[in-house]
N, C-alpha and C. Protein backbone atom coordinates (compact mmCIF):
# COMPACT_ATOMS: atom_id res chain seq x y z
N UNK A 1 60.20 108.99 -33.14
CA UNK A 1 61.18 109.28 -34.36
C UNK A 1 61.06 109.57 -35.67
N UNK A 2 61.34 110.51 -36.46
CA UNK A 2 61.29 111.26 -37.89
C UNK A 2 62.41 111.16 -38.35
N UNK A 3 62.16 110.12 -39.38
CA UNK A 3 63.25 110.36 -40.43
C UNK A 3 63.09 110.99 -41.72
N UNK A 4 64.54 110.93 -42.29
CA UNK A 4 64.16 112.45 -43.37
C UNK A 4 64.93 111.84 -44.29
N UNK A 5 64.78 111.66 -46.05
CA UNK A 5 65.31 111.27 -46.64
C UNK A 5 65.26 112.34 -47.60
N UNK A 6 66.67 113.08 -48.04
CA UNK A 6 67.17 114.14 -49.04
C UNK A 6 67.21 113.25 -50.44
N UNK A 7 67.17 113.92 -51.62
CA UNK A 7 67.08 113.66 -52.90
C UNK A 7 67.43 114.73 -53.86
N UNK A 8 67.67 114.41 -54.68
CA UNK A 8 67.79 115.34 -55.88
C UNK A 8 69.21 116.62 -56.03
N UNK A 9 70.21 116.34 -55.41
CA UNK A 9 71.50 116.43 -55.13
C UNK A 9 72.26 116.47 -56.69
N UNK A 10 73.33 116.72 -56.70
CA UNK A 10 73.99 116.67 -58.49
C UNK A 10 74.96 117.67 -59.00
N UNK A 11 75.63 117.52 -59.65
CA UNK A 11 76.41 118.49 -60.39
C UNK A 11 75.96 119.62 -61.43
N UNK A 12 75.90 120.53 -61.77
CA UNK A 12 75.08 121.31 -62.08
C UNK A 12 75.86 122.63 -62.25
N UNK A 13 76.22 123.03 -63.37
CA UNK A 13 77.27 124.39 -64.30
C UNK A 13 76.58 125.71 -63.20
N UNK A 14 77.31 126.85 -63.37
CA UNK A 14 76.90 128.14 -62.65
C UNK A 14 75.48 128.48 -63.86
N UNK A 15 74.27 128.80 -62.75
CA UNK A 15 73.62 129.53 -63.31
C UNK A 15 72.09 128.82 -63.56
N UNK A 16 72.58 127.60 -63.50
CA UNK A 16 71.89 126.19 -63.57
C UNK A 16 70.52 125.78 -62.36
N UNK A 17 69.85 125.45 -62.37
CA UNK A 17 68.56 125.25 -61.38
C UNK A 17 69.19 123.41 -61.02
N UNK A 18 68.72 123.05 -59.22
CA UNK A 18 68.21 121.97 -59.20
C UNK A 18 67.28 121.95 -58.05
N UNK A 19 66.18 121.24 -57.89
CA UNK A 19 65.26 120.81 -56.70
C UNK A 19 65.45 119.52 -56.03
N UNK A 20 65.93 120.01 -54.72
CA UNK A 20 66.07 118.79 -53.92
C UNK A 20 65.16 118.69 -52.98
N UNK A 21 64.70 117.62 -52.61
CA UNK A 21 63.11 117.04 -51.72
C UNK A 21 63.68 116.32 -50.96
N UNK A 22 62.86 116.59 -49.95
CA UNK A 22 62.98 115.88 -48.35
C UNK A 22 61.95 115.35 -47.97
N UNK A 23 61.77 113.73 -48.16
CA UNK A 23 60.89 113.13 -47.57
C UNK A 23 60.67 112.33 -46.08
N UNK A 24 59.21 112.91 -45.46
CA UNK A 24 59.25 112.89 -44.11
C UNK A 24 58.34 111.54 -43.64
N UNK A 25 58.99 110.54 -42.55
CA UNK A 25 58.47 109.70 -42.33
C UNK A 25 56.77 109.46 -41.75
N UNK A 26 56.44 110.43 -41.20
CA UNK A 26 55.32 110.88 -41.08
C UNK A 26 54.71 112.22 -41.34
N UNK A 27 53.39 112.41 -41.10
CA UNK A 27 52.92 113.77 -41.61
C UNK A 27 53.58 114.97 -41.35
N UNK A 28 53.69 116.04 -41.94
CA UNK A 28 54.54 117.04 -41.83
C UNK A 28 53.86 117.98 -41.16
N UNK A 29 52.35 117.58 -41.23
CA UNK A 29 51.53 118.26 -39.97
C UNK A 29 52.35 118.32 -38.90
N UNK A 30 52.48 117.58 -38.41
CA UNK A 30 53.13 117.15 -37.05
C UNK A 30 54.29 117.97 -36.49
N UNK A 31 54.80 118.47 -37.75
CA UNK A 31 56.53 119.47 -37.50
C UNK A 31 55.96 120.62 -37.15
N UNK A 32 56.80 121.16 -36.34
CA UNK A 32 56.37 122.65 -36.16
C UNK A 32 57.45 123.30 -37.29
N UNK A 33 58.65 123.01 -37.61
CA UNK A 33 59.24 123.94 -39.03
C UNK A 33 60.12 122.36 -39.57
N UNK A 34 60.22 123.10 -40.81
CA UNK A 34 61.13 122.20 -41.56
C UNK A 34 62.52 123.18 -41.89
N UNK A 35 63.24 122.51 -42.75
CA UNK A 35 64.19 123.62 -43.26
C UNK A 35 65.65 122.92 -43.78
N UNK A 36 66.21 123.66 -44.85
CA UNK A 36 67.19 123.04 -45.04
C UNK A 36 68.82 123.85 -44.68
N UNK A 37 69.60 122.81 -44.58
CA UNK A 37 71.21 123.60 -43.84
C UNK A 37 72.14 123.01 -45.09
N UNK A 38 73.21 123.59 -45.06
CA UNK A 38 74.35 123.11 -45.85
C UNK A 38 75.61 123.44 -45.11
N UNK A 39 76.28 122.73 -45.39
CA UNK A 39 77.67 122.67 -45.17
C UNK A 39 79.02 122.43 -46.10
N UNK A 40 79.71 123.19 -46.09
CA UNK A 40 80.91 122.61 -47.52
C UNK A 40 82.26 122.51 -46.23
N UNK A 41 83.36 121.46 -46.99
CA UNK A 41 84.08 120.90 -46.42
C UNK A 41 85.20 123.05 -45.59
N UNK A 42 85.28 122.54 -44.43
CA UNK A 42 85.93 123.53 -43.37
C UNK A 42 85.04 124.85 -43.37
N UNK A 43 83.66 124.43 -43.03
CA UNK A 43 83.01 125.77 -42.86
C UNK A 43 81.97 125.18 -41.84
N UNK A 44 81.30 125.60 -41.13
CA UNK A 44 80.38 125.53 -40.16
C UNK A 44 78.85 125.21 -41.05
N UNK A 45 78.02 124.58 -40.74
CA UNK A 45 76.63 123.88 -40.97
C UNK A 45 76.02 125.35 -40.94
N UNK A 46 75.11 126.19 -42.07
CA UNK A 46 74.30 127.11 -42.11
C UNK A 46 72.85 126.93 -42.35
N UNK A 47 72.42 127.64 -42.20
CA UNK A 47 70.80 127.77 -42.31
C UNK A 47 70.76 128.14 -43.76
N UNK A 48 70.21 127.28 -44.72
CA UNK A 48 70.11 128.02 -46.07
C UNK A 48 68.13 128.70 -46.00
N UNK A 49 67.31 127.81 -45.55
CA UNK A 49 66.05 128.19 -45.82
C UNK A 49 65.32 127.47 -44.75
N UNK A 50 63.73 128.01 -44.25
CA UNK A 50 63.10 127.15 -43.32
C UNK A 50 61.78 127.42 -43.61
N UNK A 51 61.22 126.64 -43.05
CA UNK A 51 59.84 126.91 -43.47
C UNK A 51 58.46 126.38 -42.16
N UNK A 52 57.65 127.28 -41.52
CA UNK A 52 56.87 126.42 -40.78
C UNK A 52 55.72 125.78 -41.30
N UNK A 53 54.68 125.14 -40.29
CA UNK A 53 53.52 123.90 -40.85
C UNK A 53 52.23 125.06 -41.36
N UNK A 54 52.79 126.67 -40.26
CA UNK A 54 51.94 127.67 -41.78
C UNK A 54 52.19 128.23 -42.67
N UNK A 55 53.16 127.71 -43.24
CA UNK A 55 54.11 128.30 -44.44
C UNK A 55 55.06 129.69 -44.49
N UNK A 56 54.80 129.89 -43.10
CA UNK A 56 56.07 131.10 -43.01
C UNK A 56 57.12 130.78 -43.26
N UNK A 57 58.08 131.53 -44.01
CA UNK A 57 59.52 131.05 -44.47
C UNK A 57 60.67 131.83 -44.58
N UNK A 58 61.66 131.88 -44.65
CA UNK A 58 63.00 132.84 -43.97
C UNK A 58 64.50 131.74 -44.87
N UNK A 59 65.18 132.94 -45.51
CA UNK A 59 66.24 132.30 -45.96
C UNK A 59 67.80 133.15 -45.53
N UNK A 60 68.55 132.43 -45.63
CA UNK A 60 70.03 133.22 -45.90
C UNK A 60 69.86 134.28 -46.67
N UNK A 61 70.74 135.28 -46.31
CA UNK A 61 70.76 136.30 -47.73
C UNK A 61 71.22 135.89 -48.40
N UNK A 62 72.49 134.80 -48.39
CA UNK A 62 73.08 134.45 -49.72
C UNK A 62 72.34 133.84 -50.72
N UNK A 63 71.10 133.35 -50.44
CA UNK A 63 70.18 132.33 -51.18
C UNK A 63 69.04 133.46 -51.34
N UNK A 64 68.54 134.25 -50.53
CA UNK A 64 67.25 135.18 -51.15
C UNK A 64 67.37 135.56 -52.81
N UNK A 65 65.60 135.04 -53.11
CA UNK A 65 65.82 135.75 -54.29
C UNK A 65 66.41 134.55 -55.32
N UNK A 66 67.15 133.84 -54.50
CA UNK A 66 67.59 132.10 -55.61
C UNK A 66 66.51 131.31 -55.50
N UNK A 67 66.33 130.86 -54.24
CA UNK A 67 66.26 129.68 -53.57
C UNK A 67 64.61 130.08 -52.91
N UNK A 68 63.76 129.08 -53.20
CA UNK A 68 62.82 128.96 -53.06
C UNK A 68 62.61 127.69 -52.10
N UNK A 69 61.87 127.95 -50.43
CA UNK A 69 61.34 126.65 -49.96
C UNK A 69 59.65 126.20 -49.73
N UNK A 70 59.81 125.04 -50.25
CA UNK A 70 58.39 125.05 -49.85
C UNK A 70 57.74 123.26 -49.37
N UNK A 71 56.43 123.43 -49.15
CA UNK A 71 56.67 121.82 -48.30
C UNK A 71 54.78 121.52 -49.34
N UNK A 72 54.93 120.36 -49.42
CA UNK A 72 53.73 119.71 -50.09
C UNK A 72 53.07 118.58 -48.86
N UNK A 73 51.92 119.05 -48.53
CA UNK A 73 51.94 118.40 -47.05
C UNK A 73 51.40 116.81 -47.37
N UNK A 74 50.63 116.86 -48.65
CA UNK A 74 50.00 115.83 -49.21
C UNK A 74 51.12 114.52 -49.25
N UNK A 75 51.97 114.97 -49.72
CA UNK A 75 53.33 114.01 -50.44
C UNK A 75 53.83 113.84 -49.13
N UNK A 76 54.22 114.71 -47.99
CA UNK A 76 54.89 114.61 -46.66
C UNK A 76 56.44 115.22 -47.16
N UNK A 77 56.23 115.92 -48.28
CA UNK A 77 57.53 116.47 -48.96
C UNK A 77 57.97 117.55 -48.63
N UNK A 78 58.91 117.97 -48.84
CA UNK A 78 59.65 119.40 -48.32
C UNK A 78 60.81 119.59 -49.58
N UNK A 79 60.45 120.85 -49.97
CA UNK A 79 61.24 120.95 -51.38
C UNK A 79 62.48 122.26 -51.21
N UNK A 80 63.52 122.28 -52.02
CA UNK A 80 64.04 123.75 -52.21
C UNK A 80 64.22 123.52 -53.56
N UNK A 81 63.66 124.69 -54.21
CA UNK A 81 64.16 124.98 -55.47
C UNK A 81 65.29 125.64 -55.58
N UNK A 82 66.33 125.85 -56.16
CA UNK A 82 67.61 126.34 -55.83
C UNK A 82 67.52 127.05 -57.83
N UNK A 83 67.94 128.00 -57.87
CA UNK A 83 68.06 128.42 -59.36
C UNK A 83 69.09 129.40 -59.16
N UNK A 84 70.05 130.03 -60.53
CA UNK A 84 70.76 130.74 -60.70
C UNK A 84 71.91 130.56 -59.34
N UNK A 85 72.65 129.14 -59.50
CA UNK A 85 73.22 128.45 -58.81
C UNK A 85 74.72 128.86 -59.01
N UNK A 86 75.31 129.31 -57.66
CA UNK A 86 76.66 130.18 -57.95
C UNK A 86 77.37 128.62 -57.58
N UNK A 87 78.97 128.66 -57.58
CA UNK A 87 80.09 128.09 -56.98
C UNK A 87 80.14 127.93 -55.38
N UNK A 88 79.60 128.88 -55.11
CA UNK A 88 79.66 128.94 -53.28
C UNK A 88 78.63 128.25 -53.06
N UNK A 89 77.62 127.77 -53.75
CA UNK A 89 76.39 127.11 -53.12
C UNK A 89 77.14 125.77 -53.23
N UNK A 90 77.83 125.23 -54.02
CA UNK A 90 78.20 123.64 -53.50
C UNK A 90 78.87 123.54 -51.81
N UNK A 91 77.87 122.31 -51.33
CA UNK A 91 77.82 121.74 -50.42
C UNK A 91 77.11 120.46 -50.40
N UNK A 92 77.09 120.01 -48.85
CA UNK A 92 76.12 118.96 -48.75
C UNK A 92 75.46 119.79 -47.93
N UNK A 93 74.10 119.24 -48.43
CA UNK A 93 72.66 119.84 -47.58
C UNK A 93 71.88 118.78 -47.07
N UNK A 94 71.59 119.49 -46.32
CA UNK A 94 70.88 118.80 -44.61
C UNK A 94 69.34 118.71 -44.85
N UNK A 95 68.63 117.90 -44.89
CA UNK A 95 66.97 118.21 -44.31
C UNK A 95 66.94 118.00 -43.04
N UNK A 96 66.33 119.08 -42.52
CA UNK A 96 65.79 119.23 -40.82
C UNK A 96 64.73 119.90 -40.58
N UNK A 97 64.29 118.81 -39.22
CA UNK A 97 62.42 118.89 -39.29
C UNK A 97 62.82 119.54 -37.64
N UNK A 98 62.34 120.08 -36.94
CA UNK A 98 62.12 120.51 -35.60
C UNK A 98 61.18 120.12 -34.96
N UNK A 99 60.35 119.59 -33.94
CA UNK A 99 59.22 119.06 -33.39
C UNK A 99 59.85 119.45 -31.55
N UNK A 100 58.83 120.21 -31.41
CA UNK A 100 59.35 120.69 -29.75
C UNK A 100 60.91 120.90 -29.47
N UNK A 101 61.48 120.78 -28.41
CA UNK A 101 62.93 120.51 -28.69
C UNK A 101 63.14 119.26 -29.47
N UNK A 102 63.06 118.75 -29.90
CA UNK A 102 63.89 118.05 -31.25
C UNK A 102 64.19 117.87 -32.50
N UNK A 103 64.94 118.11 -33.03
CA UNK A 103 65.49 118.08 -34.24
C UNK A 103 66.29 116.55 -34.59
N UNK A 104 65.46 116.56 -35.53
CA UNK A 104 66.02 115.44 -36.88
C UNK A 104 66.66 115.99 -38.51
N UNK A 105 67.54 114.93 -38.41
CA UNK A 105 68.09 115.29 -40.12
C UNK A 105 68.49 114.20 -40.72
N UNK A 106 68.37 114.49 -41.95
CA UNK A 106 68.51 113.94 -43.10
C UNK A 106 70.20 112.88 -43.43
N UNK A 107 70.10 112.20 -44.21
CA UNK A 107 71.56 112.17 -44.24
C UNK A 107 72.45 113.16 -45.29
N UNK A 108 71.82 113.81 -45.59
CA UNK A 108 72.31 114.57 -46.92
C UNK A 108 72.34 114.45 -48.17
N UNK A 109 72.52 115.27 -49.12
CA UNK A 109 72.78 115.40 -50.60
C UNK A 109 73.78 116.14 -50.89
N UNK A 110 74.85 115.56 -52.29
CA UNK A 110 75.55 116.87 -52.62
C UNK A 110 75.34 117.34 -53.55
N UNK A 111 75.60 118.99 -53.52
CA UNK A 111 75.33 119.84 -54.84
C UNK A 111 76.46 120.41 -54.68
N UNK A 112 77.01 120.30 -56.30
CA UNK A 112 77.69 120.77 -56.89
C UNK A 112 78.00 121.60 -57.74
N UNK A 113 78.20 122.73 -57.61
CA UNK A 113 78.26 123.86 -58.95
C UNK A 113 79.18 124.25 -59.71
N UNK A 114 79.59 124.03 -60.99
CA UNK A 114 80.80 124.33 -61.75
C UNK A 114 80.83 125.50 -62.35
N UNK A 115 82.00 126.25 -62.39
CA UNK A 115 81.93 127.30 -62.92
C UNK A 115 82.28 127.45 -64.45
């Protein structure tokens, strides 16, 4: 089993920045892919950004150019740098790791962007 713990959420005004962290219980070299999802009340959970063990990244169109996903293998940690935040970014953000056919999830961290 892989345990994931998110941190870094909080309240920020529109245009501000936050950096989310996801600490994994295992070497992230063993993880095929990691990513960030978010879910707002009444909406479906959506993929925000993903990164493979080789460093390949992809982003949701709504965050492209504003968010950056990265991995620090030495720290077994994944990050999501969020800049130019908008009220529409308000959601619970979840860390995800994929290993073969298995998915693991963190507990979520709340991000609230005020207008």
